[in-house]
C-alpha atoms as a PDB file:
ATOM      1  CA  UNK A   1     149.849 236.541  72.625  1.00  0.00           C
ATOM      2  CA  UNK A   2     149.448 236.924  68.962  1.00  0.00           C
ATOM      3  CA  UNK A   3     149.343 233.318  67.116  1.00  0.00           C
ATOM      4  CA  UNK A   4     152.252 232.443  64.950  1.00  0.00           C
ATOM      5  CA  UNK A   5     151.271 231.489  61.176  1.00  0.00           C
ATOM      6  CA  UNK A   6     153.565 228.951  59.237  1.00  0.00           C
ATOM      7  CA  UNK A   7     152.945 228.824  55.656  1.00  0.00           C
ATOM      8  CA  UNK A   8     152.316 224.874  54.156  1.00  0.00           C
ATOM      9  CA  UNK A   9     153.979 224.545  51.128  1.00  0.00           C
ATOM     10  CA  UNK A  10     152.221 220.923  49.875  1.00  0.00           C
ATOM     11  CA  UNK A  11     150.462 221.098  52.912  1.00  0.00           C
ATOM     12  CA  UNK A  12     147.550 219.218  51.393  1.00  0.00           C
ATOM     13  CA  UNK A  13     150.310 216.047  50.954  1.00  0.00           C
ATOM     14  CA  UNK A  14     151.344 213.432  53.132  1.00  0.00           C
ATOM     15  CA  UNK A  15     153.666 214.839  55.261  1.00  0.00           C
ATOM     16  CA  UNK A  16     152.363 218.643  54.958  1.00  0.00           C
ATOM     17  CA  UNK A  17     148.615 217.588  55.964  1.00  0.00           C
ATOM     18  CA  UNK A  18     149.961 215.561  59.245  1.00  0.00           C
ATOM     19  CA  UNK A  19     152.366 218.762  60.476  1.00  0.00           C
ATOM     20  CA  UNK A  20     149.649 220.809  59.985  1.00  0.00           C
ATOM     21  CA  UNK A  21     147.656 219.046  61.737  1.00  0.00           C
ATOM     22  CA  UNK A  22     150.341 218.470  65.276  1.00  0.00           C
ATOM     23  CA  UNK A  23     151.393 222.364  64.830  1.00  0.00           C
ATOM     24  CA  UNK A  24     147.745 223.526  64.745  1.00  0.00           C
ATOM     25  CA  UNK A  25     147.502 221.606  68.002  1.00  0.00           C
ATOM     26  CA  UNK A  26     150.853 223.424  69.095  1.00  0.00           C
ATOM     27  CA  UNK A  27     148.964 226.751  68.594  1.00  0.00           C
ATOM     28  CA  UNK A  28     149.810 227.546  65.441  1.00  0.00           C
ATOM     29  CA  UNK A  29     147.868 228.625  62.581  1.00  0.00           C
ATOM     30  CA  UNK A  30     148.640 227.420  59.344  1.00  0.00           C
ATOM     31  CA  UNK A  31     147.795 228.341  56.044  1.00  0.00           C
ATOM     32  CA  UNK A  32     148.072 225.649  53.093  1.00  0.00           C
ATOM     33  CA  UNK A  33     149.338 225.848  49.820  1.00  0.00           C
ATOM     34  CA  UNK A  34     149.183 223.286  47.406  1.00  0.00           C
ATOM     35  CA  UNK A  35     148.749 222.591  43.760  1.00  0.00           C
ATOM     36  CA  UNK A  36     147.542 219.020  44.250  1.00  0.00           C
ATOM     37  CA  UNK A  37     149.752 216.967  41.547  1.00  0.00           C
ATOM     38  CA  UNK A  38     150.255 214.252  44.106  1.00  0.00           C
ATOM     39  CA  UNK A  39     147.502 215.147  46.757  1.00  0.00           C
ATOM     40  CA  UNK A  40     143.553 215.315  47.461  1.00  0.00           C
ATOM     41  CA  UNK A  41     141.295 218.021  48.775  1.00  0.00           C
ATOM     42  CA  UNK A  42     139.672 215.470  51.533  1.00  0.00           C
ATOM     43  CA  UNK A  43     143.472 215.866  52.734  1.00  0.00           C
ATOM     44  CA  UNK A  44     142.713 219.324  54.451  1.00  0.00           C
ATOM     45  CA  UNK A  45     139.874 218.530  55.109  1.00  0.00           C
ATOM     46  CA  UNK A  46     141.074 215.787  57.118  1.00  0.00           C
ATOM     47  CA  UNK A  47     142.516 218.255  59.242  1.00  0.00           C
ATOM     48  CA  UNK A  48     140.277 220.520  59.655  1.00  0.00           C
ATOM     49  CA  UNK A  49     137.978 217.770  60.940  1.00  0.00           C
ATOM     50  CA  UNK A  50     140.930 216.501  63.672  1.00  0.00           C
ATOM     51  CA  UNK A  51     141.939 220.298  64.062  1.00  0.00           C
ATOM     52  CA  UNK A  52     138.258 221.542  64.691  1.00  0.00           C
ATOM     53  CA  UNK A  53     139.691 224.800  62.302  1.00  0.00           C
ATOM     54  CA  UNK A  54     138.755 226.258  59.322  1.00  0.00           C
ATOM     55  CA  UNK A  55     142.585 226.195  57.431  1.00  0.00           C
ATOM     56  CA  UNK A  56     143.145 228.117  54.903  1.00  0.00           C
ATOM     57  CA  UNK A  57     143.343 226.570  51.401  1.00  0.00           C
ATOM     58  CA  UNK A  58     145.576 227.894  48.413  1.00  0.00           C
ATOM     59  CA  UNK A  59     146.006 226.314  45.107  1.00  0.00           C
ATOM     60  CA  UNK A  60     148.799 227.744  43.597  1.00  0.00           C
ATOM     61  CA  UNK A  61     151.700 226.467  41.742  1.00  0.00           C
ATOM     62  CA  UNK A  62     154.777 227.098  44.194  1.00  0.00           C
ATOM     63  CA  UNK A  63     156.961 227.710  41.285  1.00  0.00           C
ATOM     64  CA  UNK A  64     153.945 230.075  39.389  1.00  0.00           C
ATOM     65  CA  UNK A  65     156.067 233.527  41.832  1.00  0.00           C
ATOM     66  CA  UNK A  66     153.001 235.337  40.331  1.00  0.00           C
ATOM     67  CA  UNK A  67     150.454 232.796  41.969  1.00  0.00           C
ATOM     68  CA  UNK A  68     152.476 232.600  45.162  1.00  0.00           C
ATOM     69  CA  UNK A  69     153.754 236.196  46.149  1.00  0.00           C
ATOM     70  CA  UNK A  70     149.436 236.684  45.832  1.00  0.00           C
ATOM     71  CA  UNK A  71     149.228 234.169  48.926  1.00  0.00           C
ATOM     72  CA  UNK A  72     152.174 236.227  50.949  1.00  0.00           C
ATOM     73  CA  UNK A  73     150.087 239.503  50.006  1.00  0.00           C
ATOM     74  CA  UNK A  74     146.823 237.547  51.139  1.00  0.00           C
ATOM     75  CA  UNK A  75     148.574 236.315  54.703  1.00  0.00           C
ATOM     76  CA  UNK A  76     150.575 237.352  57.468  1.00  0.00           C
ATOM     77  CA  UNK A  77     153.245 234.888  58.434  1.00  0.00           C
ATOM     78  CA  UNK A  78     156.904 234.465  59.811  1.00  0.00           C
ATOM     79  CA  UNK A  79     157.838 230.827  58.595  1.00  0.00           C
ATOM     80  CA  UNK A  80     157.384 228.753  55.604  1.00  0.00           C
ATOM     81  CA  UNK A  81     157.807 224.765  55.874  1.00  0.00           C
ATOM     82  CA  UNK A  82     159.135 223.959  52.198  1.00  0.00           C
ATOM     83  CA  UNK A  83     157.208 220.277  51.631  1.00  0.00           C
ATOM     84  CA  UNK A  84     156.334 220.894  47.766  1.00  0.00           C
ATOM     85  CA  UNK A  85     158.218 218.777  45.310  1.00  0.00           C
ATOM     86  CA  UNK A  86     157.779 215.070  43.106  1.00  0.00           C
ATOM     87  CA  UNK A  87     159.360 212.470  44.947  1.00  0.00           C
ATOM     88  CA  UNK A  88     159.839 209.099  43.260  1.00  0.00           C
ATOM     89  CA  UNK A  89     162.963 207.578  42.957  1.00  0.00           C
ATOM     90  CA  UNK A  90     162.705 205.870  40.328  1.00  0.00           C
ATOM     91  CA  UNK A  91     160.799 208.571  38.221  1.00  0.00           C
ATOM     92  CA  UNK A  92     163.421 210.839  38.993  1.00  0.00           C
ATOM     93  CA  UNK A  93     166.153 208.875  37.415  1.00  0.00           C
ATOM     94  CA  UNK A  94     163.636 208.366  34.237  1.00  0.00           C
ATOM     95  CA  UNK A  95     162.231 212.045  34.045  1.00  0.00           C
ATOM     96  CA  UNK A  96     165.157 214.364  36.095  1.00  0.00           C
ATOM     97  CA  UNK A  97     164.550 217.575  33.731  1.00  0.00           C
ATOM     98  CA  UNK A  98     160.755 217.313  35.512  1.00  0.00           C
ATOM     99  CA  UNK A  99     162.347 217.035  39.326  1.00  0.00           C
ATOM    100  CA  UNK A 100     164.763 220.050  39.019  1.00  0.00           C
ATOM    101  CA  UNK A 101     162.338 222.310  37.553  1.00  0.00           C
ATOM    102  CA  UNK A 102     159.481 221.213  40.138  1.00  0.00           C
ATOM    103  CA  UNK A 103     161.806 220.526  42.895  1.00  0.00           C
ATOM    104  CA  UNK A 104     164.264 223.363  42.648  1.00  0.00           C
ATOM    105  CA  UNK A 105     162.731 225.700  40.755  1.00  0.00           C
ATOM    106  CA  UNK A 106     160.013 225.900  43.829  1.00  0.00           C
ATOM    107  CA  UNK A 107     162.512 226.461  46.398  1.00  0.00           C
ATOM    108  CA  UNK A 108     164.130 229.066  44.480  1.00  0.00           C
ATOM    109  CA  UNK A 109     160.381 230.771  44.118  1.00  0.00           C
ATOM    110  CA  UNK A 110     159.665 230.544  47.600  1.00  0.00           C
ATOM    111  CA  UNK A 111     163.539 231.890  48.752  1.00  0.00           C
ATOM    112  CA  UNK A 112     162.944 234.806  47.323  1.00  0.00           C
ATOM    113  CA  UNK A 113     159.150 236.061  48.097  1.00  0.00           C
ATOM    114  CA  UNK A 114     160.633 235.560  51.845  1.00  0.00           C
ATOM    115  CA  UNK A 115     163.338 237.526  51.133  1.00  0.00           C
ATOM    116  CA  UNK A 116     161.359 240.058  49.005  1.00  0.00           C
ATOM    117  CA  UNK A 117     158.166 240.541  52.010  1.00  0.00           C
ATOM    118  CA  UNK A 118     160.982 239.979  55.083  1.00  0.00           C
ATOM    119  CA  UNK A 119     160.092 236.911  56.574  1.00  0.00           C
ATOM    120  CA  UNK A 120     162.030 235.399  57.959  1.00  0.00           C
ATOM    121  CA  UNK A 121     161.916 232.017  59.299  1.00  0.00           C
ATOM    122  CA  UNK A 122     162.616 228.449  56.442  1.00  0.00           C
ATOM    123  CA  UNK A 123     161.761 225.200  57.429  1.00  0.00           C
ATOM    124  CA  UNK A 124     162.999 222.977  54.619  1.00  0.00           C
ATOM    125  CA  UNK A 125     161.427 219.251  54.242  1.00  0.00           C
ATOM    126  CA  UNK A 126     164.996 217.260  53.229  1.00  0.00           C
ATOM    127  CA  UNK A 127     165.719 213.157  53.024  1.00  0.00           C
ATOM    128  CA  UNK A 128     168.411 211.032  53.839  1.00  0.00           C
ATOM    129  CA  UNK A 129     168.732 210.449  50.001  1.00  0.00           C
ATOM    130  CA  UNK A 130     171.572 213.583  50.302  1.00  0.00           C
ATOM    131  CA  UNK A 131     174.004 210.916  51.831  1.00  0.00           C
ATOM    132  CA  UNK A 132     174.221 209.044  49.284  1.00  0.00           C
ATOM    133  CA  UNK A 133     175.364 205.510  49.595  1.00  0.00           C
ATOM    134  CA  UNK A 134     177.353 206.798  52.886  1.00  0.00           C
ATOM    135  CA  UNK A 135     180.398 204.587  54.086  1.00  0.00           C
ATOM    136  CA  UNK A 136     179.572 204.434  57.614  1.00  0.00           C
ATOM    137  CA  UNK A 137     176.194 204.106  59.335  1.00  0.00           C
ATOM    138  CA  UNK A 138     174.817 205.155  61.204  1.00  0.00           C
ATOM    139  CA  UNK A 139     174.521 208.930  59.066  1.00  0.00           C
ATOM    140  CA  UNK A 140     175.346 211.739  61.700  1.00  0.00           C
ATOM    141  CA  UNK A 141     174.263 215.594  60.817  1.00  0.00           C
ATOM    142  CA  UNK A 142     178.186 215.819  59.723  1.00  0.00           C
ATOM    143  CA  UNK A 143     178.565 212.775  57.636  1.00  0.00           C
ATOM    144  CA  UNK A 144     179.713 213.574  54.088  1.00  0.00           C
ATOM    145  CA  UNK A 145     176.550 213.985  51.518  1.00  0.00           C
ATOM    146  CA  UNK A 146     178.445 211.775  48.752  1.00  0.00           C
ATOM    147  CA  UNK A 147     176.359 212.518  45.565  1.00  0.00           C
ATOM    148  CA  UNK A 148     173.235 211.422  45.157  1.00  0.00           C
ATOM    149  CA  UNK A 149     172.143 208.041  43.904  1.00  0.00           C
ATOM    150  CA  UNK A 150     168.980 209.726  41.943  1.00  0.00           C
ATOM    151  CA  UNK A 151     167.736 213.423  40.876  1.00  0.00           C
ATOM    152  CA  UNK A 152     164.956 213.546  43.551  1.00  0.00           C
ATOM    153  CA  UNK A 153     167.960 213.128  45.780  1.00  0.00           C
ATOM    154  CA  UNK A 154     170.117 215.265  43.805  1.00  0.00           C
ATOM    155  CA  UNK A 155     166.933 217.991  43.972  1.00  0.00           C
ATOM    156  CA  UNK A 156     167.224 217.364  48.138  1.00  0.00           C
ATOM    157  CA  UNK A 157     171.096 218.471  48.133  1.00  0.00           C
ATOM    158  CA  UNK A 158     170.289 221.677  45.579  1.00  0.00           C
ATOM    159  CA  UNK A 159     167.892 222.835  47.559  1.00  0.00           C
ATOM    160  CA  UNK A 160     169.870 221.854  51.320  1.00  0.00           C
ATOM    161  CA  UNK A 161     172.703 224.508  49.731  1.00  0.00           C
ATOM    162  CA  UNK A 162     170.275 227.267  48.025  1.00  0.00           C
ATOM    163  CA  UNK A 163     168.692 227.450  51.951  1.00  0.00           C
ATOM    164  CA  UNK A 164     172.276 227.570  53.444  1.00  0.00           C
ATOM    165  CA  UNK A 165     173.471 230.451  50.995  1.00  0.00           C
ATOM    166  CA  UNK A 166     170.865 232.685  51.132  1.00  0.00           C
ATOM    167  CA  UNK A 167     171.530 232.377  55.338  1.00  0.00           C
ATOM    168  CA  UNK A 168     174.699 232.979  54.800  1.00  0.00           C
ATOM    169  CA  UNK A 169     174.371 235.529  52.496  1.00  0.00           C
ATOM    170  CA  UNK A 170     173.207 239.647  53.165  1.00  0.00           C
ATOM    171  CA  UNK A 171     170.366 240.034  51.119  1.00  0.00           C
ATOM    172  CA  UNK A 172     168.998 236.708  52.374  1.00  0.00           C
ATOM    173  CA  UNK A 173     167.467 237.737  55.628  1.00  0.00           C
ATOM    174  CA  UNK A 174     166.386 234.304  56.811  1.00  0.00           C
ATOM    175  CA  UNK A 175     167.307 231.767  58.867  1.00  0.00           C
ATOM    176  CA  UNK A 176     166.689 228.018  58.467  1.00  0.00           C
ATOM    177  CA  UNK A 177     167.303 223.741  59.255  1.00  0.00           C
ATOM    178  CA  UNK A 178     167.340 221.395  57.122  1.00  0.00           C
ATOM    179  CA  UNK A 179     165.651 218.601  58.122  1.00  0.00           C
ATOM    180  CA  UNK A 180     166.931 215.656  56.699  1.00  0.00           C
ATOM    181  CA  UNK A 181     164.484 212.794  57.690  1.00  0.00           C
ATOM    182  CA  UNK A 182     164.220 209.235  56.213  1.00  0.00           C
ATOM    183  CA  UNK A 183     161.144 206.473  55.870  1.00  0.00           C
ATOM    184  CA  UNK A 184     158.234 208.597  56.674  1.00  0.00           C
ATOM    185  CA  UNK A 185     154.850 205.971  56.945  1.00  0.00           C
ATOM    186  CA  UNK A 186     152.091 205.018  59.304  1.00  0.00           C
ATOM    187  CA  UNK A 187     149.446 207.419  59.126  1.00  0.00           C
ATOM    188  CA  UNK A 188     147.205 209.250  61.939  1.00  0.00           C
ATOM    189  CA  UNK A 189     145.670 207.253  64.368  1.00  0.00           C
ATOM    190  CA  UNK A 190     142.129 209.119  63.551  1.00  0.00           C
ATOM    191  CA  UNK A 191     142.642 208.004  60.171  1.00  0.00           C
ATOM    192  CA  UNK A 192     141.212 210.602  58.546  1.00  0.00           C
ATOM    193  CA  UNK A 193     144.706 211.272  56.918  1.00  0.00           C
ATOM    194  CA  UNK A 194     147.437 209.021  55.530  1.00  0.00           C
ATOM    195  CA  UNK A 195     149.455 208.130  52.779  1.00  0.00           C
ATOM    196  CA  UNK A 196     147.645 208.054  49.338  1.00  0.00           C
ATOM    197  CA  UNK A 197     149.520 207.482  46.695  1.00  0.00           C
ATOM    198  CA  UNK A 198     147.911 207.835  42.688  1.00  0.00           C
ATOM    199  CA  UNK A 199     148.798 205.155  40.751  1.00  0.00           C
ATOM    200  CA  UNK A 200     151.467 202.562  41.457  1.00  0.00           C
ATOM    201  CA  UNK A 201     153.300 203.795  44.913  1.00  0.00           C
ATOM    202  CA  UNK A 202     156.235 204.356  44.938  1.00  0.00           C
ATOM    203  CA  UNK A 203     156.956 203.722  49.224  1.00  0.00           C
ATOM    204  CA  UNK A 204     157.341 200.584  50.770  1.00  0.00           C
ATOM    205  CA  UNK A 205     154.407 200.554  53.468  1.00  0.00           C
ATOM    206  CA  UNK A 206     151.820 201.538  50.307  1.00  0.00           C
ATOM    207  CA  UNK A 207     152.394 198.600  49.065  1.00  0.00           C
ATOM    208  CA  UNK A 208     152.275 196.582  51.375  1.00  0.00           C
ATOM    209  CA  UNK A 209     149.087 197.680  52.705  1.00  0.00           C
ATOM    210  CA  UNK A 210     147.244 197.705  49.414  1.00  0.00           C
ATOM    211  CA  UNK A 211     148.778 193.557  48.142  1.00  0.00           C
ATOM    212  CA  UNK A 212     147.032 193.125  51.844  1.00  0.00           C
ATOM    213  CA  UNK A 213     144.018 195.090  50.645  1.00  0.00           C
ATOM    214  CA  UNK A 214     144.060 192.458  47.556  1.00  0.00           C
ATOM    215  CA  UNK A 215     143.838 196.164  45.556  1.00  0.00           C
ATOM    216  CA  UNK A 216     147.813 194.363  44.419  1.00  0.00           C
ATOM    217  CA  UNK A 217     148.260 190.647  44.295  1.00  0.00           C
ATOM    218  CA  UNK A 218     152.114 190.620  45.523  1.00  0.00           C
ATOM    219  CA  UNK A 219     154.233 192.150  47.187  1.00  0.00           C
ATOM    220  CA  UNK A 220     157.697 193.376  45.108  1.00  0.00           C
ATOM    221  CA  UNK A 221     160.306 193.348  47.324  1.00  0.00           C
ATOM    222  CA  UNK A 222     163.155 195.215  45.450  1.00  0.00           C
ATOM    223  CA  UNK A 223     166.497 193.327  45.606  1.00  0.00           C
ATOM    224  CA  UNK A 224     167.255 190.666  48.744  1.00  0.00           C
ATOM    225  CA  UNK A 225     170.866 190.337  47.507  1.00  0.00           C
ATOM    226  CA  UNK A 226     171.893 193.269  49.634  1.00  0.00           C
ATOM    227  CA  UNK A 227     175.444 193.486  52.258  1.00  0.00           C
ATOM    228  CA  UNK A 228     172.098 192.636  54.633  1.00  0.00           C
ATOM    229  CA  UNK A 229     171.782 190.006  57.379  1.00  0.00           C
ATOM    230  CA  UNK A 230     168.517 189.378  55.905  1.00  0.00           C
ATOM    231  CA  UNK A 231     169.478 190.651  51.674  1.00  0.00           C
ATOM    232  CA  UNK A 232     166.802 193.132  52.219  1.00  0.00           C
ATOM    233  CA  UNK A 233     167.536 196.345  52.503  1.00  0.00           C
ATOM    234  CA  UNK A 234     167.718 198.491  55.650  1.00  0.00           C
ATOM    235  CA  UNK A 235     165.852 201.408  56.159  1.00  0.00           C
ATOM    236  CA  UNK A 236     164.461 204.208  59.630  1.00  0.00           C
ATOM    237  CA  UNK A 237     161.118 203.722  59.248  1.00  0.00           C
ATOM    238  CA  UNK A 238     160.110 206.652  61.142  1.00  0.00           C
ATOM    239  CA  UNK A 239     156.252 207.629  61.817  1.00  0.00           C
ATOM    240  CA  UNK A 240     154.183 210.339  60.203  1.00  0.00           C
ATOM    241  CA  UNK A 241     152.980 211.703  63.424  1.00  0.00           C
ATOM    242  CA  UNK A 242     155.951 211.887  64.996  1.00  0.00           C
ATOM    243  CA  UNK A 243     157.995 212.993  61.750  1.00  0.00           C
ATOM    244  CA  UNK A 244     155.255 215.945  61.880  1.00  0.00           C
ATOM    245  CA  UNK A 245     156.253 216.752  65.747  1.00  0.00           C
ATOM    246  CA  UNK A 246     159.508 217.104  64.802  1.00  0.00           C
ATOM    247  CA  UNK A 247     158.228 219.684  62.261  1.00  0.00           C
ATOM    248  CA  UNK A 248     156.870 221.630  65.048  1.00  0.00           C
ATOM    249  CA  UNK A 249     160.064 221.485  67.309  1.00  0.00           C
ATOM    250  CA  UNK A 250     162.422 222.745  64.698  1.00  0.00           C
ATOM    251  CA  UNK A 251     159.681 225.787  64.133  1.00  0.00           C
ATOM    252  CA  UNK A 252     160.074 226.881  67.895  1.00  0.00           C
ATOM    253  CA  UNK A 253     163.490 226.391  67.587  1.00  0.00           C
ATOM    254  CA  UNK A 254     163.640 229.500  64.708  1.00  0.00           C
ATOM    255  CA  UNK A 255     160.017 231.069  66.393  1.00  0.00           C
ATOM    256  CA  UNK A 256     162.106 231.124  69.478  1.00  0.00           C
ATOM    257  CA  UNK A 257     165.295 232.342  68.888  1.00  0.00           C
ATOM    258  CA  UNK A 258     167.017 228.983  69.879  1.00  0.00           C
ATOM    259  CA  UNK A 259     168.893 228.266  66.941  1.00  0.00           C
ATOM    260  CA  UNK A 260     172.695 227.818  67.771  1.00  0.00           C
ATOM    261  CA  UNK A 261     173.110 228.596  64.286  1.00  0.00           C
ATOM    262  CA  UNK A 262     171.773 230.651  60.989  1.00  0.00           C
ATOM    263  CA  UNK A 263     171.120 227.506  59.298  1.00  0.00           C
ATOM    264  CA  UNK A 264     171.492 224.389  61.208  1.00  0.00           C
ATOM    265  CA  UNK A 265     170.346 220.542  59.764  1.00  0.00           C
ATOM    266  CA  UNK A 266     168.791 217.528  61.514  1.00  0.00           C
ATOM    267  CA  UNK A 267     168.548 213.617  61.387  1.00  0.00           C
ATOM    268  CA  UNK A 268     164.893 212.868  61.753  1.00  0.00           C
ATOM    269  CA  UNK A 269     164.808 209.297  62.042  1.00  0.00           C
ATOM    270  CA  UNK A 270     164.080 206.442  64.589  1.00  0.00           C
ATOM    271  CA  UNK A 271     167.995 205.294  65.036  1.00  0.00           C
ATOM    272  CA  UNK A 272     166.976 202.104  64.468  1.00  0.00           C
ATOM    273  CA  UNK A 273     167.684 200.202  61.145  1.00  0.00           C
ATOM    274  CA  UNK A 274     164.730 197.812  60.006  1.00  0.00           C
ATOM    275  CA  UNK A 275     165.141 195.453  56.917  1.00  0.00           C
ATOM    276  CA  UNK A 276     162.248 195.369  54.247  1.00  0.00           C
ATOM    277  CA  UNK A 277     161.516 191.473  55.215  1.00  0.00           C
ATOM    278  CA  UNK A 278     161.683 192.734  58.941  1.00  0.00           C
ATOM    279  CA  UNK A 279     159.121 195.104  57.964  1.00  0.00           C
ATOM    280  CA  UNK A 280     156.881 192.637  56.138  1.00  0.00           C
ATOM    281  CA  UNK A 281     157.156 190.525  59.117  1.00  0.00           C
ATOM    282  CA  UNK A 282     156.139 192.903  61.852  1.00  0.00           C
ATOM    283  CA  UNK A 283     153.100 193.976  59.783  1.00  0.00           C
ATOM    284  CA  UNK A 284     151.453 190.405  59.360  1.00  0.00           C
ATOM    285  CA  UNK A 285     152.293 190.192  63.368  1.00  0.00           C
ATOM    286  CA  UNK A 286     150.493 193.353  63.676  1.00  0.00           C
ATOM    287  CA  UNK A 287     147.106 193.218  61.730  1.00  0.00           C
ATOM    288  CA  UNK A 288     147.062 189.068  61.170  1.00  0.00           C
ATOM    289  CA  UNK A 289     147.100 189.649  57.697  1.00  0.00           C
ATOM    290  CA  UNK A 290     149.458 187.221  55.805  1.00  0.00           C
ATOM    291  CA  UNK A 291     150.947 188.918  52.213  1.00  0.00           C
ATOM    292  CA  UNK A 292     151.329 187.285  48.488  1.00  0.00           C
ATOM    293  CA  UNK A 293     155.111 188.549  48.355  1.00  0.00           C
ATOM    294  CA  UNK A 294     158.333 187.653  45.888  1.00  0.00           C
ATOM    295  CA  UNK A 295     161.902 189.006  45.405  1.00  0.00           C
ATOM    296  CA  UNK A 296     162.275 191.582  42.318  1.00  0.00           C
ATOM    297  CA  UNK A 297     165.793 193.253  40.742  1.00  0.00           C
ATOM    298  CA  UNK A 298     166.955 196.407  43.108  1.00  0.00           C
ATOM    299  CA  UNK A 299     165.863 199.289  41.706  1.00  0.00           C
ATOM    300  CA  UNK A 300     167.908 202.184  39.942  1.00  0.00           C
ATOM    301  CA  UNK A 301     168.565 204.768  43.572  1.00  0.00           C
ATOM    302  CA  UNK A 302     168.386 202.604  46.010  1.00  0.00           C
ATOM    303  CA  UNK A 303     171.491 202.317  48.418  1.00  0.00           C
ATOM    304  CA  UNK A 304     171.587 198.945  50.730  1.00  0.00           C
ATOM    305  CA  UNK A 305     171.509 200.211  54.177  1.00  0.00           C
ATOM    306  CA  UNK A 306     171.086 203.690  55.876  1.00  0.00           C
ATOM    307  CA  UNK A 307     169.644 204.894  58.923  1.00  0.00           C
ATOM    308  CA  UNK A 308     170.007 207.657  61.252  1.00  0.00           C
ATOM    309  CA  UNK A 309     172.197 209.228  64.315  1.00  0.00           C
ATOM    310  CA  UNK A 310     169.271 211.067  66.238  1.00  0.00           C
ATOM    311  CA  UNK A 311     171.114 212.267  69.087  1.00  0.00           C
ATOM    312  CA  UNK A 312     171.270 215.560  68.153  1.00  0.00           C
ATOM    313  CA  UNK A 313     168.051 216.179  67.342  1.00  0.00           C
ATOM    314  CA  UNK A 314     167.267 215.192  70.119  1.00  0.00           C
ATOM    315  CA  UNK A 315     169.226 217.105  72.042  1.00  0.00           C
ATOM    316  CA  UNK A 316     168.624 220.264  70.924  1.00  0.00           C
ATOM    317  CA  UNK A 317     164.902 220.210  69.312  1.00  0.00           C
ATOM    318  CA  UNK A 318     163.359 218.053  72.399  1.00  0.00           C
ATOM    319  CA  UNK A 319     162.319 215.240  70.416  1.00  0.00           C
ATOM    320  CA  UNK A 320     162.388 212.334  69.770  1.00  0.00           C
ATOM    321  CA  UNK A 321     160.279 209.192  67.960  1.00  0.00           C
ATOM    322  CA  UNK A 322     157.764 207.023  70.535  1.00  0.00           C
ATOM    323  CA  UNK A 323     155.827 205.175  67.974  1.00  0.00           C
ATOM    324  CA  UNK A 324     156.017 201.717  67.967  1.00  0.00           C
ATOM    325  CA  UNK A 325     156.535 200.357  65.013  1.00  0.00           C
ATOM    326  CA  UNK A 326     154.040 198.140  65.814  1.00  0.00           C
ATOM    327  CA  UNK A 327     151.249 200.710  66.193  1.00  0.00           C
ATOM    328  CA  UNK A 328     152.614 202.381  63.392  1.00  0.00           C
ATOM    329  CA  UNK A 329     151.354 199.219  60.767  1.00  0.00           C
ATOM    330  CA  UNK A 330     148.570 198.986  62.448  1.00  0.00           C
ATOM    331  CA  UNK A 331     147.148 203.054  61.770  1.00  0.00           C
ATOM    332  CA  UNK A 332     148.971 202.810  58.410  1.00  0.00           C
ATOM    333  CA  UNK A 333     146.156 199.808  57.654  1.00  0.00           C
ATOM    334  CA  UNK A 334     143.262 200.621  59.401  1.00  0.00           C
ATOM    335  CA  UNK A 335     143.484 203.973  57.036  1.00  0.00           C
ATOM    336  CA  UNK A 336     144.042 201.217  53.510  1.00  0.00           C
ATOM    337  CA  UNK A 337     140.705 199.627  55.119  1.00  0.00           C
ATOM    338  CA  UNK A 338     139.928 203.630  54.958  1.00  0.00           C
ATOM    339  CA  UNK A 339     139.674 203.787  51.457  1.00  0.00           C
ATOM    340  CA  UNK A 340     140.372 200.792  49.250  1.00  0.00           C
END
């Protein structure tokens, strides 16, 4: 049987590299395309070491139509997973045009080429940010998408709409799934790949591990006056390997023709809300490292609470998050120790 190949745009990034590993271990072939703006070749090498597969890598900017067309011409694949996007909520508030140009522009180019080359399956890396400040929790896939609280979140809403419209159009010829995931954390247990932010981290767990390692003097918790049990924001933290496995399940659903509609949406999370303070305490208990932390004003674009109802993904994708949070944070600490 011919191996099914998957193009992974942004495949040298945090989630992309873990997804590459899980796809390969599930029997798929992968082609990684990345411009290395917020990633490094070390991630691709990590994927190769973990899997023992010489994964092909193409350094291209997905906004560059001719460059990405070259990838389509050089490789046979029928499915693409689109990760290539800027992702810092705060930066998107300060520099919205940068986010619209890259996040929306790159996806338009990908969709154009998928249609041009007759490649069928598109899996879009979406986000819980599409729900905005949801009025009912947990959020289900039918929860109304409220206005996004940041340009980053709005780019995810726009790209979801582009995928939906292309699927519905006569010229599209594609099937699509958007995975709305919540807060990816952790690292591969091998410590060969993980989250490696450049400069000041935009996500909480790298801030925690860098503070624990002494890279940063103090952890700032943004907001302790939210309407939550301990005043800190509530989130749904999902292990990055569990998240990567969800992508394998979604690709398989598309490839095997099991989708119940041309376009589907799934929430990918644990279904359990965890506060920022609780996450800090689980990290301290799991690693034995005490953190120096304090409180800072709320960040623009952050919502007080959001977590997932994941029953649809459990039932339709046959997927569930299984990693204990303590293990996830230990893996994140192991990765940090290797890289500090």
